[in-house]
Amino acid sequence: MSATPTSVRGAPDPSLKQQVRDFWDRESCGETYAVGEDARAKLHAHQRTRYELEPYICDFAQFLDGKGKDVLEIGVGMGADHLEWAKSKPRSLTGIDLTPRAVEFTKQRFQLFGYESRLEVGDAENLPFPDNSFDLIYSWGVLHHSPDTPRAIEQVQRVLRPGGTARIMIYHYFSVVGYMLWVRYGPMSGKPFRSLADIYANHLESPGTKAYTVKQTREMCRKFTHSNIRVAQSFGDLLQGAVGQRHRGLILTTTKALWPRWFIKRFMKNHGAMVLIDAVK
C-alpha cells in the first residue's frame, strides 16, 4: 500500500473540473435515496435517509449556530443541509454548487418547503464573493472533489470574516474505505503497487477525488487563526446504506453481510474516512 503523500498541491488536469461537473450533474450525491411518488416525497425521503445514515452531520454542522449570521454553504447537493441552515433563521443564506442539477434540486426543495436562499452555480476555487463576506461557511464532503483543494480552502478563509467559523469535511487518506478500495482495485486486479491516491482518483466517486492526512489538512488550514482537526468514521467505513453503489456485485454484497463493524468501531477509530475541520479566522 502507498506511503503518506508528500504534497497537498499538484498540477491539476485542466479538463478535470469539467469531468467532476459532468459526473455530479448526471446524479447528485445521495440521489439514490430520493424515492417517492412526487417531488416532496422524494426530497423528504432523501433527507430522512441522509440523517439516519449520517447522524454525525448534524452534530458537526451545529445548524442552530446559523441564527442571525451570514451563512454560506459550498456544495449544496440536493439541499438537505441547506434547508437546515435556513431553518436556523440566518441573517442571510447563500449556497453554491458546481452543478446546475444540484442548484435546481435545492431551489425545488426551498420552494416546496417555503424558504429562501441565494442559490447559484459556482466554483469553490473562485468564490464570487468579496473578502470578509460571511460569518459561517459550511462544506460537507465537497472540497476534496475540487481539482485544487488547497485553493478552495484558501478561498473559504478569504471570504470568511475575522472571528468567523468554517466547518468542512474532506476525505481522510488512511481510511477503512481506502483500504477496501485498494484491495479491490490493487491486488485483486493484479496491481498490488497502486497508490491510495491513484485508487481514490479513479475509483472513489468523481474523477480525481482526493484524500488528505491530518498533517496535510493542518497545512491547508495554516492561514486560519485556530483550527480543530480530527478524524471520524463514516457510514462508508462500516459499509452501511447504499455505499458502494459504484461497485455493485456479489463481492460487495457478501462483504457487507460479513463486515466486522464492531471491530472497526472499537479498534480503527483513527482510520475513518472523514477529516473534520472546525476553523476560526
Protein backbone atom coordinates (compact mmCIF):
# COMPACT_ATOMS: atom_id res chain seq x y z
CA MET A 1 0.00 0.00 0.00
CA SER A 2 1.14 3.56 -0.67
CA ALA A 3 3.11 5.69 1.74
CA THR A 4 1.87 9.02 3.02
CA PRO A 5 1.57 11.55 0.17
CA THR A 6 4.19 14.26 0.40
CA SER A 7 2.34 17.23 -1.05
CA VAL A 8 -1.14 18.70 -0.78
CA ARG A 9 -0.89 20.54 -4.07
CA GLY A 10 -0.11 19.22 -7.53
CA ALA A 11 -0.83 20.48 -11.02
CA PRO A 12 -4.49 19.64 -11.74
CA ASP A 13 -5.52 18.36 -15.15
CA PRO A 14 -7.15 21.35 -16.91
CA SER A 15 -10.04 19.11 -18.03
CA LEU A 16 -10.65 17.61 -14.59
CA LYS A 17 -13.09 20.22 -13.34
CA GLN A 18 -15.36 19.59 -16.31
CA GLN A 19 -15.16 15.85 -15.63
CA VAL A 20 -16.15 16.44 -12.00
CA ARG A 21 -19.02 18.71 -13.06
CA ASP A 22 -20.27 16.16 -15.59
CA PHE A 23 -20.09 13.32 -13.04
CA TRP A 24 -22.21 15.07 -10.41
CA ASP A 25 -24.54 16.61 -12.97
CA ARG A 26 -25.58 13.10 -14.03
CA GLU A 27 -26.65 12.21 -10.47
CA SER A 28 -26.35 14.35 -7.37
CA CYS A 29 -24.84 12.87 -4.23
CA GLY A 30 -27.48 10.85 -2.38
CA GLU A 31 -29.99 10.97 -5.22
CA THR A 32 -30.40 7.20 -4.92
CA TYR A 33 -32.29 7.85 -1.68
CA ALA A 34 -34.79 10.24 -3.33
CA VAL A 35 -37.67 7.81 -3.84
CA GLY A 36 -41.37 8.63 -3.74
CA GLU A 37 -44.48 9.46 -5.74
CA ASP A 38 -43.80 13.18 -6.13
CA ALA A 39 -41.04 15.76 -5.62
CA ARG A 40 -41.94 16.47 -2.00
CA ALA A 41 -41.91 12.78 -1.08
CA LYS A 42 -38.62 12.20 -2.89
CA LEU A 43 -36.87 15.11 -1.22
CA HIS A 44 -38.23 14.14 2.19
CA ALA A 45 -37.05 10.54 1.70
CA HIS A 46 -33.59 11.79 0.73
CA GLN A 47 -33.34 13.99 3.81
CA ARG A 48 -34.65 11.31 6.19
CA THR A 49 -32.26 8.66 4.90
CA ARG A 50 -29.31 11.06 4.88
CA TYR A 51 -29.62 11.82 8.57
CA GLU A 52 -30.46 8.26 9.56
CA LEU A 53 -27.24 7.06 7.93
CA GLU A 54 -25.13 10.05 8.89
CA PRO A 55 -26.39 11.49 12.20
CA TYR A 56 -22.90 12.87 12.75
CA ILE A 57 -23.62 15.53 10.09
CA CYS A 58 -25.96 17.38 12.45
CA ASP A 59 -23.56 17.04 15.36
CA PHE A 60 -20.75 18.55 13.30
CA ALA A 61 -22.69 21.24 11.42
CA GLN A 62 -24.43 22.61 14.53
CA PHE A 63 -27.11 24.13 12.32
CA LEU A 64 -28.58 26.29 15.09
CA ASP A 65 -25.36 28.33 15.04
CA GLY A 66 -26.58 29.94 11.83
CA LYS A 67 -29.13 32.12 13.64
CA GLY A 68 -28.59 35.80 12.85
CA LYS A 69 -25.47 35.14 10.77
CA ASP A 70 -24.48 35.41 7.12
CA VAL A 71 -24.09 31.77 6.12
CA LEU A 72 -22.52 30.23 3.00
CA GLU A 73 -22.70 26.57 2.03
CA ILE A 74 -20.26 25.34 -0.62
CA GLY A 75 -21.67 22.32 -2.45
CA VAL A 76 -25.37 22.28 -1.62
CA GLY A 77 -26.05 18.93 -3.29
CA MET A 78 -29.75 18.11 -3.01
CA GLY A 79 -30.24 20.79 -0.38
CA ALA A 80 -30.95 18.80 2.79
CA ASP A 81 -28.29 20.53 4.87
CA HIS A 82 -29.04 23.85 3.22
CA LEU A 83 -32.65 23.61 4.39
CA GLU A 84 -31.44 23.03 7.96
CA TRP A 85 -29.36 26.20 7.74
CA ALA A 86 -32.46 28.06 6.53
CA LYS A 87 -34.46 26.78 9.50
CA SER A 88 -31.90 28.34 11.86
CA LYS A 89 -33.05 31.82 10.72
CA PRO A 90 -29.75 33.23 9.45
CA ARG A 91 -29.45 36.90 8.56
CA SER A 92 -28.65 35.76 5.03
CA LEU A 93 -28.15 32.37 3.40
CA THR A 94 -26.14 31.67 0.26
CA GLY A 95 -25.44 28.37 -1.46
CA ILE A 96 -23.30 27.43 -4.43
CA ASP A 97 -22.66 24.20 -6.29
CA LEU A 98 -20.57 23.29 -9.31
CA THR A 99 -23.57 21.65 -10.99
CA PRO A 100 -26.87 23.09 -12.24
CA ARG A 101 -28.57 19.83 -11.22
CA ALA A 102 -27.79 20.35 -7.54
CA VAL A 103 -28.83 24.01 -7.62
CA GLU A 104 -32.16 23.09 -9.21
CA PHE A 105 -32.80 20.34 -6.64
CA THR A 106 -32.11 22.79 -3.82
CA LYS A 107 -34.28 25.52 -5.35
CA GLN A 108 -37.10 23.00 -5.68
CA ARG A 109 -36.70 21.93 -2.05
CA PHE A 110 -36.81 25.54 -0.86
CA GLN A 111 -39.89 26.34 -2.96
CA LEU A 112 -41.72 23.27 -1.65
CA PHE A 113 -40.92 23.99 1.98
CA GLY A 114 -41.24 27.78 1.87
CA TYR A 115 -37.68 29.01 2.48
CA GLU A 116 -35.36 31.37 0.62
CA SER A 117 -31.67 31.36 -0.22
CA ARG A 118 -29.38 32.95 -2.76
CA LEU A 119 -28.52 29.88 -4.85
CA GLU A 120 -26.21 29.80 -7.85
CA VAL A 121 -23.81 27.66 -9.82
CA GLY A 122 -20.31 28.46 -8.59
CA ASP A 123 -16.73 27.27 -8.32
CA ALA A 124 -15.21 26.66 -4.88
CA GLU A 125 -11.77 27.59 -6.22
CA ASN A 126 -13.03 31.02 -7.31
CA LEU A 127 -15.74 32.08 -4.91
CA PRO A 128 -17.66 35.03 -6.40
CA PHE A 129 -17.80 37.00 -3.15
CA PRO A 130 -15.76 39.86 -1.65
CA ASP A 131 -13.32 39.30 1.18
CA ASN A 132 -14.86 39.01 4.66
CA SER A 133 -18.42 38.32 3.44
CA PHE A 134 -19.65 35.55 5.77
CA ASP A 135 -19.80 34.70 9.46
CA LEU A 136 -20.13 30.94 8.91
CA ILE A 137 -19.08 28.76 5.98
CA TYR A 138 -20.04 25.10 5.70
CA SER A 139 -19.00 22.41 3.25
CA TRP A 140 -19.66 18.70 3.71
CA GLY A 141 -17.78 16.23 1.52
CA VAL A 142 -17.20 18.59 -1.38
CA LEU A 143 -13.80 20.27 -1.47
CA HIS A 144 -11.87 17.00 -1.95
CA HIS A 145 -13.56 16.77 -5.37
CA SER A 146 -12.25 20.16 -6.47
CA PRO A 147 -9.07 19.79 -8.58
CA ASP A 148 -7.25 22.32 -6.37
CA THR A 149 -8.49 21.67 -2.84
CA PRO A 150 -5.86 23.89 -1.14
CA ARG A 151 -7.01 26.84 -3.24
CA ALA A 152 -10.64 26.13 -2.33
CA ILE A 153 -9.76 26.23 1.37
CA GLU A 154 -7.82 29.46 0.81
CA GLN A 155 -10.98 30.88 -0.76
CA VAL A 156 -13.00 29.87 2.30
CA GLN A 157 -10.54 31.71 4.51
CA ARG A 158 -10.65 34.76 2.25
CA VAL A 159 -14.43 35.25 2.24
CA LEU A 160 -14.83 34.41 5.94
CA ARG A 161 -14.98 37.35 8.33
CA PRO A 162 -12.42 37.70 11.13
CA GLY A 163 -13.71 35.64 14.03
CA GLY A 164 -15.97 33.67 11.69
CA THR A 165 -16.18 29.87 11.61
CA ALA A 166 -15.61 27.37 8.79
CA ARG A 167 -16.86 23.79 9.16
CA ILE A 168 -15.57 21.50 6.44
CA MET A 169 -15.42 17.75 5.87
CA ILE A 170 -12.88 16.25 3.46
CA TYR A 171 -11.79 12.66 2.97
CA HIS A 172 -9.10 11.09 5.13
CA TYR A 173 -6.19 9.37 3.38
CA PHE A 174 -5.60 6.40 5.69
CA SER A 175 -9.14 5.07 5.99
CA VAL A 176 -11.02 1.78 6.01
CA VAL A 177 -12.78 2.93 2.85
CA GLY A 178 -9.41 3.45 1.19
CA TYR A 179 -8.10 0.06 2.28
CA MET A 180 -11.19 -1.68 0.89
CA LEU A 181 -10.85 0.06 -2.46
CA TRP A 182 -7.11 -0.67 -2.55
CA VAL A 183 -7.69 -4.41 -2.04
CA ARG A 184 -10.37 -4.45 -4.74
CA TYR A 185 -8.55 -2.37 -7.35
CA GLY A 186 -4.97 -3.15 -6.33
CA PRO A 187 -4.09 -6.78 -5.51
CA MET A 188 -7.43 -8.25 -6.67
CA SER A 189 -6.95 -6.52 -10.02
CA GLY A 190 -3.35 -7.65 -10.37
CA LYS A 191 -1.97 -4.20 -9.46
CA PRO A 192 -0.52 -4.52 -5.94
CA PHE A 193 1.65 -1.41 -6.20
CA ARG A 194 -1.10 1.12 -6.91
CA SER A 195 -1.09 4.05 -4.52
CA LEU A 196 -4.06 5.01 -2.42
CA ALA A 197 -4.04 8.39 -4.16
CA ASP A 198 -4.46 6.67 -7.53
CA ILE A 199 -7.22 4.47 -6.14
CA TYR A 200 -9.15 7.48 -4.80
CA ALA A 201 -8.71 9.43 -8.03
CA ASN A 202 -10.08 6.62 -10.17
CA HIS A 203 -12.47 4.61 -8.01
CA LEU A 204 -13.96 6.85 -5.31
CA GLU A 205 -16.84 8.93 -6.61
CA SER A 206 -15.97 11.61 -9.18
CA PRO A 207 -12.73 11.57 -11.23
CA GLY A 208 -9.75 12.98 -9.39
CA THR A 209 -11.20 12.63 -5.87
CA LYS A 210 -8.51 13.17 -3.22
CA ALA A 211 -8.00 12.36 0.44
CA TYR A 212 -5.72 14.02 2.99
CA THR A 213 -3.80 13.21 6.14
CA VAL A 214 -4.32 15.26 9.29
CA LYS A 215 -0.87 16.81 8.77
CA GLN A 216 -1.75 17.87 5.23
CA THR A 217 -5.06 19.26 6.40
CA ARG A 218 -3.33 21.36 9.03
CA GLU A 219 -1.04 22.72 6.32
CA MET A 220 -4.03 23.70 4.18
CA CYS A 221 -5.62 25.44 7.19
CA ARG A 222 -2.48 27.29 8.28
CA LYS A 223 -3.92 30.74 7.49
CA PHE A 224 -6.75 30.32 9.99
CA THR A 225 -6.22 31.71 13.50
CA HIS A 226 -7.29 28.40 15.01
CA SER A 227 -8.36 25.03 13.66
CA ASN A 228 -9.63 21.89 15.34
CA ILE A 229 -8.95 18.93 13.03
CA ARG A 230 -9.94 15.35 13.78
CA VAL A 231 -10.62 12.02 12.07
CA ALA A 232 -14.05 10.39 12.23
CA GLN A 233 -15.59 7.21 10.89
CA SER A 234 -18.25 7.34 8.21
CA PHE A 235 -21.04 5.00 7.17
CA GLY A 236 -18.74 4.11 4.28
CA ASP A 237 -16.18 2.61 6.67
CA LEU A 238 -18.97 0.50 8.12
CA LEU A 239 -20.41 -0.49 4.71
CA GLN A 240 -23.88 0.76 5.54
CA GLY A 241 -26.65 2.13 3.32
CA ALA A 242 -26.11 2.43 -0.43
CA VAL A 243 -22.37 2.93 -0.04
CA GLY A 244 -20.51 1.13 -2.77
CA GLN A 245 -23.20 1.67 -5.41
CA ARG A 246 -20.44 2.33 -7.93
CA HIS A 247 -19.03 -1.13 -7.19
CA ARG A 248 -22.11 -3.37 -7.22
CA GLY A 249 -21.65 -7.12 -7.34
CA LEU A 250 -21.58 -10.36 -5.40
CA ILE A 251 -18.29 -9.47 -3.69
CA LEU A 252 -19.75 -6.24 -2.27
CA THR A 253 -22.98 -7.93 -1.18
CA THR A 254 -21.10 -10.70 0.61
CA THR A 255 -18.64 -8.29 2.21
CA LYS A 256 -21.47 -6.13 3.56
CA ALA A 257 -23.06 -9.17 5.20
CA LEU A 258 -19.81 -10.27 6.88
CA TRP A 259 -18.28 -6.87 7.67
CA PRO A 260 -16.88 -6.71 11.26
CA ARG A 261 -18.47 -3.37 12.18
CA TRP A 262 -17.96 -3.83 15.93
CA PHE A 263 -14.21 -4.31 15.41
CA ILE A 264 -13.88 -1.27 13.16
CA LYS A 265 -15.84 0.95 15.57
CA ARG A 266 -13.69 -0.12 18.52
CA PHE A 267 -10.20 -0.57 17.12
CA MET A 268 -9.97 1.55 13.95
CA LYS A 269 -11.27 4.93 15.10
CA ASN A 270 -8.24 6.71 13.67
CA HIS A 271 -8.81 5.13 10.26
CA GLY A 272 -12.13 6.78 9.48
CA ALA A 273 -12.91 8.21 6.07
CA MET A 274 -13.52 11.76 7.26
CA VAL A 275 -11.34 14.64 8.34
CA LEU A 276 -13.50 17.17 10.19
CA ILE A 277 -12.28 20.76 10.19
CA ASP A 278 -13.65 23.39 12.58
CA ALA A 279 -11.63 26.53 11.89
CA VAL A 280 -11.79 30.15 13.01
CA LYS A 281 -10.37 33.06 11.02
